[in-house]
Amino acid sequence: MNSTQLLGLAAGACTTIAFLPQVIKTWKSRTAKDLSLGMFSFFCFGVLLWLIYGIMMRDIPVIIANLFTLILASILLFFKLSFKESK
């Protein structure tokens, strides 16, 4: 593994880990009312496209980062769609 790939893995780790506090907070509070359904829908689609691109390019840092980001963002999207919001 070269320094460019290590840089890509480090960048991917930072941007992916950034979602973890939101996933934990949303899980604990059982509310996703402040999350934008449109934003997370488009974001998940965009990350899926990046994942496909990474696979096609055989770019391991892009694949790993976007796979884990897609998982975390999809969890938030699932929470947004499944948690009942009280008014």
N, C-alpha and C. Protein backbone atom coordinates (compact mmCIF):
# COMPACT_ATOMS: atom_id res chain seq x y z
N MET A 1 0.85 -1.17 0.00
CA MET A 1 0.00 0.00 0.00
C MET A 1 0.90 1.24 0.00
N ASN A 2 0.61 2.16 -0.90
CA ASN A 2 1.44 3.36 -1.01
C ASN A 2 0.86 4.53 -0.21
N SER A 3 1.60 5.62 -0.18
CA SER A 3 1.18 6.77 0.64
C SER A 3 -0.11 7.41 0.12
N THR A 4 -0.35 7.34 -1.17
CA THR A 4 -1.58 7.90 -1.73
C THR A 4 -2.79 7.10 -1.24
N GLN A 5 -2.68 5.77 -1.23
CA GLN A 5 -3.76 4.94 -0.72
C GLN A 5 -3.97 5.16 0.77
N LEU A 6 -2.90 5.31 1.52
CA LEU A 6 -3.03 5.58 2.96
C LEU A 6 -3.73 6.91 3.21
N LEU A 7 -3.38 7.92 2.41
CA LEU A 7 -4.06 9.21 2.51
C LEU A 7 -5.55 9.06 2.21
N GLY A 8 -5.88 8.31 1.17
CA GLY A 8 -7.28 8.07 0.82
C GLY A 8 -8.02 7.34 1.92
N LEU A 9 -7.39 6.35 2.52
CA LEU A 9 -8.03 5.61 3.63
C LEU A 9 -8.23 6.52 4.84
N ALA A 10 -7.25 7.37 5.15
CA ALA A 10 -7.37 8.29 6.28
C ALA A 10 -8.51 9.29 6.04
N ALA A 11 -8.57 9.84 4.82
CA ALA A 11 -9.64 10.79 4.49
C ALA A 11 -11.00 10.11 4.56
N GLY A 12 -11.09 8.91 4.01
CA GLY A 12 -12.34 8.17 4.05
C GLY A 12 -12.76 7.83 5.47
N ALA A 13 -11.79 7.47 6.31
CA ALA A 13 -12.10 7.16 7.71
C ALA A 13 -12.67 8.38 8.42
N CYS A 14 -12.07 9.54 8.20
CA CYS A 14 -12.55 10.76 8.85
C CYS A 14 -13.97 11.12 8.43
N THR A 15 -14.24 11.09 7.13
CA THR A 15 -15.57 11.47 6.67
C THR A 15 -16.62 10.42 7.03
N THR A 16 -16.22 9.17 7.13
CA THR A 16 -17.16 8.12 7.51
C THR A 16 -17.46 8.17 9.00
N ILE A 17 -16.43 8.31 9.81
CA ILE A 17 -16.60 8.36 11.26
C ILE A 17 -17.44 9.56 11.67
N ALA A 18 -17.45 10.61 10.87
CA ALA A 18 -18.25 11.79 11.17
C ALA A 18 -19.73 11.47 11.30
N PHE A 19 -20.20 10.41 10.66
CA PHE A 19 -21.62 10.03 10.75
C PHE A 19 -21.95 9.26 12.03
N LEU A 20 -20.96 8.66 12.64
CA LEU A 20 -21.21 7.81 13.80
C LEU A 20 -21.90 8.53 14.96
N PRO A 21 -21.48 9.73 15.37
CA PRO A 21 -22.20 10.41 16.46
C PRO A 21 -23.68 10.65 16.15
N GLN A 22 -23.99 10.98 14.89
CA GLN A 22 -25.39 11.21 14.53
C GLN A 22 -26.20 9.92 14.58
N VAL A 23 -25.61 8.83 14.13
CA VAL A 23 -26.30 7.54 14.20
C VAL A 23 -26.57 7.18 15.65
N ILE A 24 -25.58 7.34 16.52
CA ILE A 24 -25.74 7.01 17.94
C ILE A 24 -26.79 7.91 18.59
N LYS A 25 -26.72 9.21 18.31
CA LYS A 25 -27.68 10.15 18.89
C LYS A 25 -29.11 9.83 18.45
N THR A 26 -29.28 9.56 17.17
CA THR A 26 -30.61 9.26 16.64
C THR A 26 -31.14 7.96 17.21
N TRP A 27 -30.28 6.97 17.35
CA TRP A 27 -30.68 5.68 17.93
C TRP A 27 -31.12 5.86 19.38
N LYS A 28 -30.34 6.60 20.16
CA LYS A 28 -30.66 6.79 21.58
C LYS A 28 -31.91 7.62 21.78
N SER A 29 -32.08 8.67 20.99
CA SER A 29 -33.23 9.57 21.16
C SER A 29 -34.50 9.02 20.51
N ARG A 30 -34.33 8.08 19.61
CA ARG A 30 -35.46 7.50 18.86
C ARG A 30 -36.26 8.55 18.10
N THR A 31 -35.57 9.59 17.67
CA THR A 31 -36.21 10.60 16.85
C THR A 31 -35.26 11.04 15.75
N ALA A 32 -35.83 11.24 14.58
CA ALA A 32 -35.05 11.70 13.43
C ALA A 32 -35.74 12.89 12.78
N LYS A 33 -36.56 13.58 13.58
CA LYS A 33 -37.37 14.67 13.02
C LYS A 33 -36.52 15.80 12.43
N ASP A 34 -35.32 16.00 12.94
CA ASP A 34 -34.48 17.09 12.43
C ASP A 34 -33.61 16.68 11.26
N LEU A 35 -33.67 15.43 10.85
CA LEU A 35 -32.91 14.97 9.70
C LEU A 35 -33.72 15.20 8.43
N SER A 36 -33.08 15.66 7.40
CA SER A 36 -33.76 15.92 6.14
C SER A 36 -33.86 14.64 5.32
N LEU A 37 -35.08 14.22 5.03
CA LEU A 37 -35.31 13.03 4.22
C LEU A 37 -34.73 13.21 2.83
N GLY A 38 -34.94 14.37 2.23
CA GLY A 38 -34.42 14.63 0.89
C GLY A 38 -32.90 14.58 0.85
N MET A 39 -32.26 15.21 1.83
CA MET A 39 -30.81 15.25 1.86
C MET A 39 -30.23 13.85 2.00
N PHE A 40 -30.76 13.07 2.96
CA PHE A 40 -30.21 11.74 3.16
C PHE A 40 -30.53 10.80 2.01
N SER A 41 -31.66 11.00 1.34
CA SER A 41 -31.97 10.19 0.17
C SER A 41 -30.96 10.45 -0.96
N PHE A 42 -30.75 11.73 -1.27
CA PHE A 42 -29.78 12.07 -2.31
C PHE A 42 -28.37 11.70 -1.91
N PHE A 43 -28.04 11.89 -0.64
CA PHE A 43 -26.70 11.56 -0.17
C PHE A 43 -26.43 10.06 -0.32
N CYS A 44 -27.38 9.23 0.10
CA CYS A 44 -27.21 7.78 -0.04
C CYS A 44 -27.05 7.38 -1.51
N PHE A 45 -27.83 8.00 -2.38
CA PHE A 45 -27.71 7.69 -3.80
C PHE A 45 -26.33 8.11 -4.32
N GLY A 46 -25.87 9.29 -3.94
CA GLY A 46 -24.55 9.75 -4.37
C GLY A 46 -23.44 8.86 -3.87
N VAL A 47 -23.52 8.43 -2.61
CA VAL A 47 -22.51 7.53 -2.04
C VAL A 47 -22.55 6.18 -2.75
N LEU A 48 -23.74 5.71 -3.10
CA LEU A 48 -23.85 4.46 -3.86
C LEU A 48 -23.14 4.60 -5.20
N LEU A 49 -23.31 5.75 -5.86
CA LEU A 49 -22.63 5.97 -7.13
C LEU A 49 -21.11 6.00 -6.94
N TRP A 50 -20.63 6.63 -5.86
CA TRP A 50 -19.20 6.63 -5.57
C TRP A 50 -18.69 5.21 -5.32
N LEU A 51 -19.48 4.42 -4.63
CA LEU A 51 -19.11 3.03 -4.37
C LEU A 51 -18.98 2.26 -5.68
N ILE A 52 -19.95 2.42 -6.56
CA ILE A 52 -19.89 1.76 -7.87
C ILE A 52 -18.67 2.23 -8.65
N TYR A 53 -18.42 3.53 -8.62
CA TYR A 53 -17.23 4.09 -9.28
C TYR A 53 -15.96 3.46 -8.71
N GLY A 54 -15.87 3.38 -7.39
CA GLY A 54 -14.69 2.79 -6.76
C GLY A 54 -14.49 1.34 -7.17
N ILE A 55 -15.58 0.60 -7.26
CA ILE A 55 -15.51 -0.79 -7.69
C ILE A 55 -15.02 -0.87 -9.13
N MET A 56 -15.59 -0.03 -9.98
CA MET A 56 -15.19 -0.04 -11.39
C MET A 56 -13.72 0.35 -11.57
N MET A 57 -13.24 1.26 -10.74
CA MET A 57 -11.85 1.72 -10.82
C MET A 57 -10.90 0.86 -10.00
N ARG A 58 -11.47 -0.08 -9.26
CA ARG A 58 -10.68 -0.93 -8.35
C ARG A 58 -9.85 -0.08 -7.37
N ASP A 59 -10.51 0.94 -6.82
CA ASP A 59 -9.86 1.88 -5.91
C ASP A 59 -10.29 1.54 -4.48
N ILE A 60 -9.42 0.83 -3.77
CA ILE A 60 -9.74 0.31 -2.44
C ILE A 60 -10.17 1.41 -1.46
N PRO A 61 -9.44 2.53 -1.34
CA PRO A 61 -9.90 3.55 -0.39
C PRO A 61 -11.30 4.08 -0.71
N VAL A 62 -11.60 4.28 -1.98
CA VAL A 62 -12.93 4.77 -2.36
C VAL A 62 -13.99 3.72 -2.04
N ILE A 63 -13.69 2.46 -2.29
CA ILE A 63 -14.64 1.38 -2.01
C ILE A 63 -14.92 1.30 -0.51
N ILE A 64 -13.86 1.22 0.28
CA ILE A 64 -14.03 1.05 1.72
C ILE A 64 -14.76 2.24 2.35
N ALA A 65 -14.30 3.44 2.03
CA ALA A 65 -14.92 4.64 2.62
C ALA A 65 -16.39 4.74 2.26
N ASN A 66 -16.71 4.53 1.00
CA ASN A 66 -18.10 4.69 0.58
C ASN A 66 -18.99 3.54 1.01
N LEU A 67 -18.44 2.36 1.15
CA LEU A 67 -19.23 1.24 1.67
C LEU A 67 -19.68 1.53 3.10
N PHE A 68 -18.74 1.94 3.95
CA PHE A 68 -19.10 2.21 5.34
C PHE A 68 -19.95 3.48 5.48
N THR A 69 -19.68 4.50 4.66
CA THR A 69 -20.51 5.70 4.69
C THR A 69 -21.92 5.37 4.25
N LEU A 70 -22.07 4.54 3.23
CA LEU A 70 -23.39 4.15 2.76
C LEU A 70 -24.15 3.39 3.85
N ILE A 71 -23.45 2.53 4.57
CA ILE A 71 -24.10 1.79 5.66
C ILE A 71 -24.61 2.76 6.73
N LEU A 72 -23.75 3.67 7.19
CA LEU A 72 -24.16 4.60 8.24
C LEU A 72 -25.25 5.56 7.77
N ALA A 73 -25.12 6.10 6.58
CA ALA A 73 -26.13 7.02 6.07
C ALA A 73 -27.45 6.29 5.82
N SER A 74 -27.39 5.04 5.40
CA SER A 74 -28.61 4.25 5.20
C SER A 74 -29.29 3.95 6.51
N ILE A 75 -28.51 3.75 7.56
CA ILE A 75 -29.10 3.55 8.89
C ILE A 75 -29.87 4.80 9.30
N LEU A 76 -29.28 5.97 9.08
CA LEU A 76 -29.99 7.22 9.40
C LEU A 76 -31.24 7.38 8.54
N LEU A 77 -31.15 7.03 7.29
CA LEU A 77 -32.32 7.10 6.41
C LEU A 77 -33.41 6.14 6.90
N PHE A 78 -33.01 4.95 7.31
CA PHE A 78 -33.95 3.98 7.87
C PHE A 78 -34.61 4.55 9.13
N PHE A 79 -33.81 5.14 10.02
CA PHE A 79 -34.37 5.75 11.23
C PHE A 79 -35.37 6.84 10.86
N LYS A 80 -35.02 7.66 9.88
CA LYS A 80 -35.91 8.74 9.47
C LYS A 80 -37.25 8.19 8.98
N LEU A 81 -37.21 7.08 8.27
CA LEU A 81 -38.44 6.50 7.72
C LEU A 81 -39.21 5.67 8.73
N SER A 82 -38.54 5.17 9.77
CA SER A 82 -39.21 4.22 10.66
C SER A 82 -39.61 4.79 12.02
N PHE A 83 -38.87 5.78 12.53
CA PHE A 83 -39.25 6.33 13.84
C PHE A 83 -40.48 7.19 13.68
N LYS A 84 -41.45 6.93 14.52
CA LYS A 84 -42.68 7.73 14.51
C LYS A 84 -42.42 9.06 15.22
N GLU A 85 -42.77 10.12 14.57
CA GLU A 85 -42.55 11.46 15.13
C GLU A 85 -43.79 11.91 15.86
N SER A 86 -43.60 12.31 17.12
CA SER A 86 -44.74 12.84 17.88
C SER A 86 -44.85 14.34 17.62
N LYS A 87 -46.08 14.82 17.58
CA LYS A 87 -46.29 16.24 17.29
C LYS A 87 -46.68 16.99 18.53
